[in-house]
Amino acid sequence: MAENGSVPFWWIVVFLLLALGAGIGSVFLTGGSIFIALPGLLL
């Protein structure tokens, strides 16, 4: 794949998918309380 700048495009796609999956997983694990899950993820 062609790289634009210094970050490969697939890196951005993988990062977004992981972030999305983590967000959805946090919502399900906390029963929909994202505000309780965020401090746990940051720490």
C-alpha atoms as a PDB file:
ATOM      1  CA  MET A   1       0.000   0.000   0.000  1.00  0.00           C
ATOM      2  CA  ALA A   2       1.094   3.560  -0.632  1.00  0.00           C
ATOM      3  CA  GLU A   3       2.112   5.608   2.370  1.00  0.00           C
ATOM      4  CA  ASN A   4       1.089   9.242   2.756  1.00  0.00           C
ATOM      5  CA  GLY A   5       3.628  11.082   4.891  1.00  0.00           C
ATOM      6  CA  SER A   6       5.090   8.990   7.698  1.00  0.00           C
ATOM      7  CA  VAL A   7       1.996   7.065   8.829  1.00  0.00           C
ATOM      8  CA  PRO A   8       0.773   4.154   6.690  1.00  0.00           C
ATOM      9  CA  PHE A   9      -2.953   4.257   5.897  1.00  0.00           C
ATOM     10  CA  TRP A  10      -3.583   0.764   7.298  1.00  0.00           C
ATOM     11  CA  TRP A  11      -2.122   1.872  10.640  1.00  0.00           C
ATOM     12  CA  ILE A  12      -4.867   4.491  10.914  1.00  0.00           C
ATOM     13  CA  VAL A  13      -7.529   1.936   9.953  1.00  0.00           C
ATOM     14  CA  VAL A  14      -6.290  -0.588  12.525  1.00  0.00           C
ATOM     15  CA  PHE A  15      -6.129   2.096  15.229  1.00  0.00           C
ATOM     16  CA  LEU A  16      -9.691   3.248  14.508  1.00  0.00           C
ATOM     17  CA  LEU A  17     -10.985  -0.333  14.573  1.00  0.00           C
ATOM     18  CA  LEU A  18      -9.256  -1.026  17.890  1.00  0.00           C
ATOM     19  CA  ALA A  19     -10.567   2.208  19.398  1.00  0.00           C
ATOM     20  CA  LEU A  20     -14.082   1.442  18.176  1.00  0.00           C
ATOM     21  CA  GLY A  21     -13.920  -2.100  19.525  1.00  0.00           C
ATOM     22  CA  ALA A  22     -12.617  -0.904  22.890  1.00  0.00           C
ATOM     23  CA  GLY A  23     -15.374   1.696  23.117  1.00  0.00           C
ATOM     24  CA  ILE A  24     -18.114  -0.802  22.297  1.00  0.00           C
ATOM     25  CA  GLY A  25     -16.621  -3.361  24.678  1.00  0.00           C
ATOM     26  CA  SER A  26     -16.493  -0.797  27.481  1.00  0.00           C
ATOM     27  CA  VAL A  27     -20.138   0.145  26.966  1.00  0.00           C
ATOM     28  CA  PHE A  28     -21.246  -3.499  27.121  1.00  0.00           C
ATOM     29  CA  LEU A  29     -19.051  -4.334  30.138  1.00  0.00           C
ATOM     30  CA  THR A  30     -20.313  -1.358  32.146  1.00  0.00           C
ATOM     31  CA  GLY A  31     -23.927  -1.723  31.080  1.00  0.00           C
ATOM     32  CA  GLY A  32     -23.823   1.500  29.070  1.00  0.00           C
ATOM     33  CA  SER A  33     -21.910   3.654  31.574  1.00  0.00           C
ATOM     34  CA  ILE A  34     -19.091   5.012  29.412  1.00  0.00           C
ATOM     35  CA  PHE A  35     -18.193   7.624  32.038  1.00  0.00           C
ATOM     36  CA  ILE A  36     -17.309   4.867  34.510  1.00  0.00           C
ATOM     37  CA  ALA A  37     -15.261   2.953  31.935  1.00  0.00           C
ATOM     38  CA  LEU A  38     -13.181   5.895  30.659  1.00  0.00           C
ATOM     39  CA  PRO A  39     -11.094   6.427  33.843  1.00  0.00           C
ATOM     40  CA  GLY A  40     -10.381   2.697  33.937  1.00  0.00           C
ATOM     41  CA  LEU A  41      -9.139   2.717  30.339  1.00  0.00           C
ATOM     42  CA  LEU A  42      -6.984   5.816  30.835  1.00  0.00           C
ATOM     43  CA  LEU A  43      -5.375   4.360  33.958  1.00  0.00           C
END
